[in-house]
Amino acid sequence: MARRFRFAKNSFVPTNGLAAQPQWAIYGHILLTLVIGLAGALVFRYLHVPLPWLLGPIVFCLTAAVAGMPVRLSGKVRPVMTTVIGTMLGSTFTWELLAHVTQWYPTVLVLWLNLAVAGAVCVAYFRAVVGLDTKTAFFSGMPAGVTEMTALSDEHDADTAVVALIQSTRILLVVCALPFIIRMVSDMQLVTRPMTSVSIFDAPLASVAWLTVVCTSGAVIGHLLRFPAKMMFGPLLLSAVIHMTGISDFKPPVELVNGAQMLIGCSVATRFSGVNPLVILRLMALSVVSTCLLLIITVIFALIASKLSYQQEIPVLLAFSPGGLAEMSLVALALNLEVAFVTTHHILRVIAVVLGANLLLRYVLKSKPRSTVLHHSADSANLLDRQAEATASRPTDASASDK
């Protein structure tokens, strides 16, 4: 039964030659992607869909990718926009929120237990049902970030492209589904609260200067201190310190925040660009099962954690959800929930999964990495781009590929 789902090695590496296009064509593809993403954001905003600047670009760009359109973004775009999101999230931290930090240990402990159970179930699914090899199934089933798991899979010689796309599919499905689930089970509205009310045309020069300094300095601090998700965590931490100490109360302009969300949404969807549409649909069908398993397990443990702490169910569900750090933090911000609580738990989730995965691989699977991945995981953000370029630059034999 498992064999009929088995994928060939590197079967998800884009092979349509996008990376081999001339420079002017690449810029044309990027412009097309931005136009499609903006159209998706405006349509979703008109329809009052939750998080329109994030979900609209995801859905529209993914549709374009499945249709075979050459949507793409530079691998350097998302990290830059992530610094803006991190700065904005840091501006929401207050002493009142952090006063509850000592009360978070029950939810953190339950979160780690949730990760162990959810990871074991999903790894077993990808190994026994989907038929992936042990290492690829292991990295595909771990509920952590795409970048971290891609880096680890590359270091341990797993099928990196499969891992990256399965992890991307999980985040895509969770990000798209969770806002609607929350709106159905609660009376919270995700579109009524603007994330920031300052327009770029009204923002004082001092705020623009602070934003620039925090984004750049925070990224450098994150890199030097080797933070996980350094491009977001570094600016977030620096912004939180500046706002909590009263040095400044600047806010990123609303246009920049919306643009950052749009580019993050586009980057999630363009991971599937160049992949055979049938493979994308097949991958999503398989990932729907694993994502449903993850969400069911997450809901159960979130309910348990909420009973053991002062937190209500929705904040804990967001903190435990197997989505991306930036994406889930944006949902928390739109819901006017405790962003510090949600963001901190997601950071701890990434750290726990990366460290736990390294220990399991070393002592259980007896697999040794080629280098210390935790320190260099963010450097793999362009790994799929490099694979695509290598694949596209090699002459392909049409008859051999048909076989």
Protein backbone atom coordinates (compact mmCIF):
# COMPACT_ATOMS: atom_id res chain seq x y z
CA MET A 1 0.00 0.00 0.00
CA ALA A 2 2.77 2.45 0.92
CA ARG A 3 4.67 1.91 -2.33
CA ARG A 4 2.07 3.50 -4.58
CA PHE A 5 2.62 6.83 -2.79
CA ARG A 6 6.41 6.71 -2.95
CA PHE A 7 8.14 9.65 -4.63
CA ALA A 8 11.32 9.54 -6.64
CA LYS A 9 14.41 11.24 -5.25
CA ASN A 10 14.26 15.03 -5.86
CA SER A 11 10.94 14.57 -7.66
CA PHE A 12 9.73 18.00 -6.46
CA VAL A 13 12.71 20.06 -7.64
CA PRO A 14 11.38 22.62 -10.16
CA THR A 15 12.34 21.57 -13.67
CA ASN A 16 10.54 24.04 -15.92
CA GLY A 17 13.65 26.12 -16.53
CA LEU A 18 12.52 29.27 -14.74
CA ALA A 19 15.97 29.72 -13.19
CA ALA A 20 17.61 29.56 -16.64
CA GLN A 21 15.68 32.56 -17.99
CA PRO A 22 17.52 35.81 -18.88
CA GLN A 23 17.61 38.54 -16.27
CA TRP A 24 14.90 40.66 -17.90
CA ALA A 25 12.55 37.66 -17.92
CA ILE A 26 13.22 37.00 -14.24
CA TYR A 27 12.30 40.61 -13.39
CA GLY A 28 9.17 40.19 -15.49
CA HIS A 29 8.22 37.08 -13.50
CA ILE A 30 8.75 38.93 -10.21
CA LEU A 31 6.62 41.85 -11.41
CA LEU A 32 3.90 39.43 -12.51
CA THR A 33 3.99 37.80 -9.06
CA LEU A 34 3.64 41.16 -7.32
CA VAL A 35 0.69 42.12 -9.54
CA ILE A 36 -1.04 38.80 -8.83
CA GLY A 37 -0.36 39.11 -5.10
CA LEU A 38 -1.68 42.67 -4.99
CA ALA A 39 -4.80 41.64 -6.91
CA GLY A 40 -5.40 38.82 -4.43
CA ALA A 41 -4.99 41.18 -1.46
CA LEU A 42 -7.40 43.75 -2.91
CA VAL A 43 -10.02 41.12 -3.81
CA PHE A 44 -9.85 39.50 -0.36
CA ARG A 45 -10.03 42.95 1.26
CA TYR A 46 -13.13 43.78 -0.79
CA LEU A 47 -14.70 40.46 0.24
CA HIS A 48 -13.81 41.08 3.92
CA VAL A 49 -11.78 37.88 4.10
CA PRO A 50 -9.63 37.54 7.25
CA LEU A 51 -6.02 38.73 6.84
CA PRO A 52 -6.54 39.81 3.21
CA TRP A 53 -2.97 41.06 2.69
CA LEU A 54 -1.60 37.65 3.68
CA LEU A 55 -4.21 35.14 2.50
CA GLY A 56 -5.09 36.87 -0.78
CA PRO A 57 -1.55 36.68 -2.21
CA ILE A 58 -1.18 33.08 -1.00
CA VAL A 59 -4.34 31.89 -2.75
CA PHE A 60 -3.88 33.89 -5.95
CA CYS A 61 -0.18 33.09 -6.39
CA LEU A 62 -0.74 29.42 -5.59
CA THR A 63 -3.50 29.30 -8.21
CA ALA A 64 -1.12 30.91 -10.70
CA ALA A 65 1.60 28.36 -9.84
CA VAL A 66 -0.80 25.45 -10.33
CA ALA A 67 -1.86 26.99 -13.66
CA GLY A 68 1.78 26.95 -14.75
CA MET A 69 2.37 30.69 -14.64
CA PRO A 70 5.98 31.77 -13.94
CA VAL A 71 5.45 33.23 -10.46
CA ARG A 72 8.61 33.76 -8.45
CA LEU A 73 10.29 35.99 -5.87
CA SER A 74 13.88 36.49 -4.88
CA GLY A 75 14.86 34.49 -1.81
CA LYS A 76 16.08 37.74 -0.26
CA VAL A 77 12.65 39.38 -0.18
CA ARG A 78 11.02 37.41 2.64
CA PRO A 79 13.86 37.94 5.17
CA VAL A 80 13.73 41.71 4.61
CA MET A 81 9.96 41.85 5.02
CA THR A 82 10.18 39.57 8.05
CA THR A 83 12.26 42.22 9.82
CA VAL A 84 9.37 44.66 9.36
CA ILE A 85 6.89 42.18 10.82
CA GLY A 86 9.25 41.45 13.72
CA THR A 87 9.59 45.18 14.45
CA MET A 88 5.83 45.64 14.40
CA LEU A 89 5.25 42.66 16.70
CA GLY A 90 7.89 43.92 19.12
CA SER A 91 6.06 47.23 19.40
CA THR A 92 3.11 45.40 20.97
CA PHE A 93 5.12 44.04 23.93
CA THR A 94 4.29 45.66 27.26
CA TRP A 95 5.36 45.19 30.86
CA GLU A 96 1.81 44.14 31.71
CA LEU A 97 2.00 41.24 29.25
CA LEU A 98 5.45 40.12 30.35
CA ALA A 99 4.32 40.17 33.98
CA HIS A 100 2.56 36.90 33.16
CA VAL A 101 5.71 35.16 31.87
CA THR A 102 6.13 33.15 35.05
CA GLN A 103 2.63 31.79 34.52
CA TRP A 104 3.45 30.43 31.06
CA TYR A 105 5.36 27.34 32.17
CA PRO A 106 2.27 25.02 32.12
CA THR A 107 1.51 25.93 28.52
CA VAL A 108 5.18 25.60 27.50
CA LEU A 109 5.39 22.11 29.01
CA VAL A 110 2.15 21.05 27.32
CA LEU A 111 3.42 22.58 24.06
CA TRP A 112 6.55 20.40 24.14
CA LEU A 113 4.43 17.32 24.85
CA ASN A 114 2.17 18.30 21.96
CA LEU A 115 5.19 18.58 19.65
CA ALA A 116 6.41 15.11 20.61
CA VAL A 117 3.04 13.46 20.00
CA ALA A 118 2.21 15.40 16.82
CA GLY A 119 5.68 14.84 15.39
CA ALA A 120 5.58 11.11 16.06
CA VAL A 121 2.15 10.73 14.44
CA CYS A 122 3.06 12.73 11.32
CA VAL A 123 6.42 11.02 10.85
CA ALA A 124 4.69 7.65 11.08
CA TYR A 125 2.14 8.80 8.50
CA PHE A 126 4.75 9.97 5.99
CA ARG A 127 6.82 6.82 6.51
CA ALA A 128 4.12 4.13 6.61
CA VAL A 129 1.38 5.59 4.42
CA VAL A 130 3.08 8.00 2.03
CA GLY A 131 6.14 5.77 1.76
CA LEU A 132 8.90 8.35 2.13
CA ASP A 133 12.31 7.19 3.28
CA THR A 134 12.99 7.43 7.01
CA LYS A 135 14.96 10.68 7.03
CA THR A 136 12.69 12.49 4.58
CA ALA A 137 9.61 11.35 6.51
CA PHE A 138 11.24 12.52 9.74
CA PHE A 139 11.89 16.07 8.52
CA SER A 140 8.56 16.26 6.68
CA GLY A 141 6.61 15.37 9.82
CA MET A 142 8.35 17.70 12.27
CA PRO A 143 6.10 20.73 13.00
CA ALA A 144 8.78 23.42 12.70
CA GLY A 145 9.72 26.12 10.22
CA VAL A 146 10.39 25.47 6.55
CA THR A 147 13.86 26.99 6.72
CA GLU A 148 14.96 25.02 9.77
CA MET A 149 13.71 21.67 8.49
CA THR A 150 15.09 22.32 5.01
CA ALA A 151 18.51 23.03 6.50
CA LEU A 152 18.44 19.92 8.68
CA SER A 153 17.28 17.69 5.85
CA ASP A 154 20.09 18.98 3.64
CA GLU A 155 22.66 18.36 6.37
CA HIS A 156 21.43 14.78 6.85
CA ASP A 157 21.10 13.95 3.12
CA ALA A 158 17.32 13.64 3.05
CA ASP A 159 15.24 14.71 0.03
CA THR A 160 15.37 18.45 0.66
CA ALA A 161 12.86 19.46 -2.03
CA VAL A 162 10.24 17.03 -0.73
CA VAL A 163 10.73 18.28 2.83
CA ALA A 164 10.52 21.94 1.84
CA LEU A 165 7.34 21.53 -0.17
CA ILE A 166 5.59 19.34 2.41
CA GLN A 167 6.47 21.81 5.16
CA SER A 168 5.32 24.69 2.93
CA THR A 169 2.04 22.91 2.24
CA ARG A 170 1.45 22.45 5.97
CA ILE A 171 1.99 26.14 6.68
CA LEU A 172 -0.15 27.14 3.69
CA LEU A 173 -3.05 24.94 4.81
CA VAL A 174 -2.84 26.02 8.45
CA VAL A 175 -2.57 29.73 7.65
CA CYS A 176 -5.49 29.58 5.24
CA ALA A 177 -7.74 27.41 7.41
CA LEU A 178 -7.10 28.63 10.95
CA PRO A 179 -8.55 32.17 10.65
CA PHE A 180 -11.82 30.75 9.32
CA ILE A 181 -11.88 28.07 12.03
CA ILE A 182 -11.39 30.71 14.71
CA ARG A 183 -14.09 32.91 13.23
CA MET A 184 -16.52 29.96 13.13
CA VAL A 185 -15.94 28.88 16.75
CA SER A 186 -15.75 32.38 18.26
CA ASP A 187 -17.10 35.88 17.77
CA MET A 188 -13.69 37.35 16.97
CA GLN A 189 -13.38 39.35 13.76
CA LEU A 190 -9.99 39.34 12.06
CA VAL A 191 -10.60 42.24 9.68
CA THR A 192 -11.91 44.97 11.94
CA ARG A 193 -8.68 45.89 13.73
CA PRO A 194 -5.92 47.54 11.69
CA MET A 195 -2.47 46.34 12.67
CA THR A 196 -1.19 49.90 12.61
CA SER A 197 -2.95 53.17 11.93
CA VAL A 198 0.03 55.27 10.87
CA SER A 199 0.21 56.07 7.16
CA ILE A 200 3.54 56.37 5.44
CA PHE A 201 2.48 59.88 4.34
CA ASP A 202 1.87 60.95 7.95
CA ALA A 203 4.77 59.14 9.62
CA PRO A 204 7.40 61.53 11.04
CA LEU A 205 10.95 61.18 9.82
CA ALA A 206 12.02 60.09 13.31
CA SER A 207 9.72 57.05 13.10
CA VAL A 208 11.10 56.14 9.68
CA ALA A 209 14.63 56.44 11.06
CA TRP A 210 13.78 54.28 14.08
CA LEU A 211 12.19 51.66 11.83
CA THR A 212 15.28 51.52 9.62
CA VAL A 213 17.65 51.27 12.58
CA VAL A 214 15.63 48.58 14.37
CA CYS A 215 15.17 46.43 11.25
CA THR A 216 18.84 46.51 10.27
CA SER A 217 20.35 46.40 13.77
CA GLY A 218 17.91 43.73 14.90
CA ALA A 219 18.84 41.52 11.96
CA VAL A 220 22.54 41.96 12.77
CA ILE A 221 21.93 41.17 16.45
CA GLY A 222 19.94 38.08 15.51
CA HIS A 223 22.75 36.91 13.26
CA LEU A 224 25.53 37.58 15.78
CA LEU A 225 23.64 35.89 18.63
CA ARG A 226 22.59 33.06 16.32
CA PHE A 227 18.91 33.34 17.13
CA PRO A 228 16.44 30.94 15.53
CA ALA A 229 14.35 32.84 12.95
CA LYS A 230 16.96 35.58 13.35
CA MET A 231 15.49 37.98 10.78
CA MET A 232 12.29 38.18 12.82
CA PHE A 233 13.41 37.50 16.38
CA GLY A 234 16.28 40.00 16.35
CA PRO A 235 14.19 43.03 15.28
CA LEU A 236 11.31 41.83 17.49
CA LEU A 237 13.54 41.73 20.57
CA LEU A 238 15.15 45.11 19.86
CA SER A 239 11.77 46.73 19.10
CA ALA A 240 10.31 45.30 22.32
CA VAL A 241 13.18 46.72 24.38
CA ILE A 242 12.86 50.17 22.78
CA HIS A 243 9.09 50.34 23.30
CA MET A 244 9.06 48.86 26.80
CA THR A 245 11.78 51.22 28.01
CA GLY A 246 9.95 54.21 26.56
CA ILE A 247 12.80 55.24 24.27
CA SER A 248 10.38 55.50 21.36
CA ASP A 249 6.81 54.56 20.51
CA PHE A 250 7.22 54.47 16.72
CA LYS A 251 5.01 52.20 14.59
CA PRO A 252 5.74 50.86 11.09
CA PRO A 253 3.54 52.57 8.45
CA VAL A 254 0.40 50.65 7.49
CA GLU A 255 1.42 50.52 3.82
CA LEU A 256 4.74 48.90 4.71
CA VAL A 257 3.09 46.36 7.01
CA ASN A 258 0.54 45.46 4.33
CA GLY A 259 3.31 45.17 1.75
CA ALA A 260 5.32 42.94 4.07
CA GLN A 261 2.32 40.65 4.55
CA MET A 262 1.73 40.55 0.79
CA LEU A 263 5.34 39.58 0.04
CA ILE A 264 5.36 36.93 2.78
CA GLY A 265 2.16 35.50 1.31
CA CYS A 266 3.64 35.50 -2.18
CA SER A 267 6.80 33.80 -0.93
CA VAL A 268 4.77 30.98 0.63
CA ALA A 269 2.95 30.28 -2.64
CA THR A 270 5.90 30.70 -5.00
CA ARG A 271 7.71 27.76 -3.38
CA PHE A 272 5.46 25.66 -5.62
CA SER A 273 6.40 27.48 -8.81
CA GLY A 274 7.81 25.20 -11.47
CA VAL A 275 6.51 22.02 -9.87
CA ASN A 276 4.22 19.83 -11.93
CA PRO A 277 0.63 20.88 -11.10
CA LEU A 278 -0.41 17.24 -10.66
CA VAL A 279 2.43 16.81 -8.17
CA ILE A 280 1.26 19.91 -6.27
CA LEU A 281 -2.31 18.62 -6.08
CA ARG A 282 -1.12 15.16 -5.09
CA LEU A 283 1.17 16.63 -2.45
CA MET A 284 -1.63 18.75 -1.05
CA ALA A 285 -3.98 15.78 -0.90
CA LEU A 286 -1.40 13.86 1.14
CA SER A 287 -0.56 16.88 3.29
CA VAL A 288 -4.22 17.56 4.08
CA VAL A 289 -4.26 14.32 6.07
CA SER A 290 -1.11 15.17 8.03
CA THR A 291 -2.31 18.74 8.62
CA CYS A 292 -5.67 17.51 9.89
CA LEU A 293 -3.87 15.12 12.24
CA LEU A 294 -1.70 17.99 13.46
CA LEU A 295 -4.68 20.29 14.00
CA ILE A 296 -6.68 17.63 15.87
CA ILE A 297 -3.75 16.90 18.18
CA THR A 298 -3.10 20.62 18.60
CA VAL A 299 -6.70 21.36 19.56
CA ILE A 300 -6.67 18.58 22.16
CA PHE A 301 -3.46 19.78 23.78
CA ALA A 302 -4.53 23.44 23.53
CA LEU A 303 -7.70 22.64 25.47
CA ILE A 304 -5.65 20.82 28.10
CA ALA A 305 -3.18 23.72 28.36
CA SER A 306 -5.95 26.31 28.69
CA LYS A 307 -7.37 24.38 31.65
CA LEU A 308 -3.94 24.37 33.33
CA SER A 309 -3.33 28.11 32.83
CA TYR A 310 -5.07 31.47 32.92
CA GLN A 311 -5.17 31.66 29.11
CA GLN A 312 -8.32 31.15 27.07
CA GLU A 313 -8.58 28.54 24.32
CA ILE A 314 -8.03 30.78 21.26
CA PRO A 315 -4.68 32.31 22.32
CA VAL A 316 -3.38 28.87 23.29
CA LEU A 317 -4.60 27.40 20.01
CA LEU A 318 -2.70 30.09 18.09
CA ALA A 319 0.39 29.53 20.23
CA PHE A 320 0.27 25.77 19.60
CA SER A 321 -0.80 25.87 15.94
CA PRO A 322 1.64 24.27 13.47
CA GLY A 323 1.78 27.34 11.24
CA GLY A 324 4.64 29.75 10.60
CA LEU A 325 5.98 32.07 13.28
CA ALA A 326 5.33 35.25 11.30
CA GLU A 327 1.94 34.10 10.01
CA MET A 328 0.54 33.00 13.39
CA SER A 329 1.85 36.14 15.07
CA LEU A 330 -0.01 38.21 12.47
CA VAL A 331 -3.22 36.31 13.24
CA ALA A 332 -2.73 37.00 16.95
CA LEU A 333 -2.17 40.68 16.23
CA ALA A 334 -5.30 40.88 14.07
CA LEU A 335 -7.30 39.28 16.89
CA ASN A 336 -5.87 41.74 19.42
CA LEU A 337 -4.60 38.83 21.53
CA GLU A 338 -1.41 38.56 23.57
CA VAL A 339 1.13 38.67 20.76
CA ALA A 340 4.00 38.18 23.21
CA PHE A 341 2.44 34.93 24.42
CA VAL A 342 1.85 33.55 20.92
CA THR A 343 5.20 34.66 19.49
CA THR A 344 7.23 33.37 22.44
CA HIS A 345 5.60 29.95 22.25
CA HIS A 346 6.29 29.70 18.52
CA ILE A 347 9.93 30.62 19.04
CA LEU A 348 10.18 27.96 21.76
CA ARG A 349 8.48 25.50 19.38
CA VAL A 350 11.11 26.05 16.69
CA ILE A 351 13.97 25.75 19.19
CA ALA A 352 12.53 22.58 20.74
CA VAL A 353 11.94 20.88 17.39
CA VAL A 354 15.38 21.75 15.98
CA LEU A 355 17.22 20.65 19.12
CA GLY A 356 15.03 17.57 19.56
CA ALA A 357 15.43 16.59 15.92
CA ASN A 358 19.20 16.84 16.18
CA LEU A 359 19.25 14.64 19.29
CA LEU A 360 16.94 12.02 17.76
CA LEU A 361 18.93 11.91 14.55
CA ARG A 362 22.24 11.60 16.33
CA TYR A 363 21.35 9.04 18.99
CA VAL A 364 18.33 7.17 17.56
CA LEU A 365 18.79 7.22 13.78
CA LYS A 366 22.61 7.42 14.10
CA SER A 367 22.76 10.19 11.52
CA LYS A 368 25.48 12.80 11.88
CA PRO A 369 25.09 16.27 10.34
CA ARG A 370 27.77 17.81 8.17
CA SER A 371 27.74 20.99 10.31
CA THR A 372 25.84 22.65 13.15
CA VAL A 373 22.50 23.38 11.56
CA LEU A 374 20.99 25.38 14.41
CA HIS A 375 23.58 28.09 13.87
CA HIS A 376 23.24 28.25 10.12
CA SER A 377 19.64 27.24 9.41
CA ALA A 378 18.62 30.63 8.04
CA ASP A 379 21.36 30.41 5.41
CA SER A 380 19.33 27.71 3.64
CA ALA A 381 16.47 30.03 2.72
CA ASN A 382 17.67 30.02 -0.90
CA LEU A 383 18.43 26.29 -1.00
CA LEU A 384 15.57 25.45 -3.34
CA ASP A 385 16.52 28.36 -5.58
CA ARG A 386 20.04 26.95 -5.88
CA GLN A 387 18.66 23.48 -6.60
CA ALA A 388 16.35 24.89 -9.26
CA GLU A 389 19.22 26.77 -10.88
CA ALA A 390 21.38 23.67 -10.90
CA THR A 391 18.57 21.60 -12.36
CA ALA A 392 17.66 24.17 -15.01
CA SER A 393 21.29 24.72 -16.04
CA ARG A 394 21.81 21.05 -16.84
CA PRO A 395 20.74 19.91 -20.34
CA THR A 396 17.77 17.61 -19.99
CA ASP A 397 17.03 14.60 -22.10
CA ALA A 398 13.32 14.76 -22.92
CA SER A 399 13.05 11.08 -23.59
CA ALA A 400 14.77 10.20 -20.34
CA SER A 401 12.56 12.54 -18.34
CA ASP A 402 9.47 10.92 -19.82
CA LYS A 403 10.60 7.63 -18.38
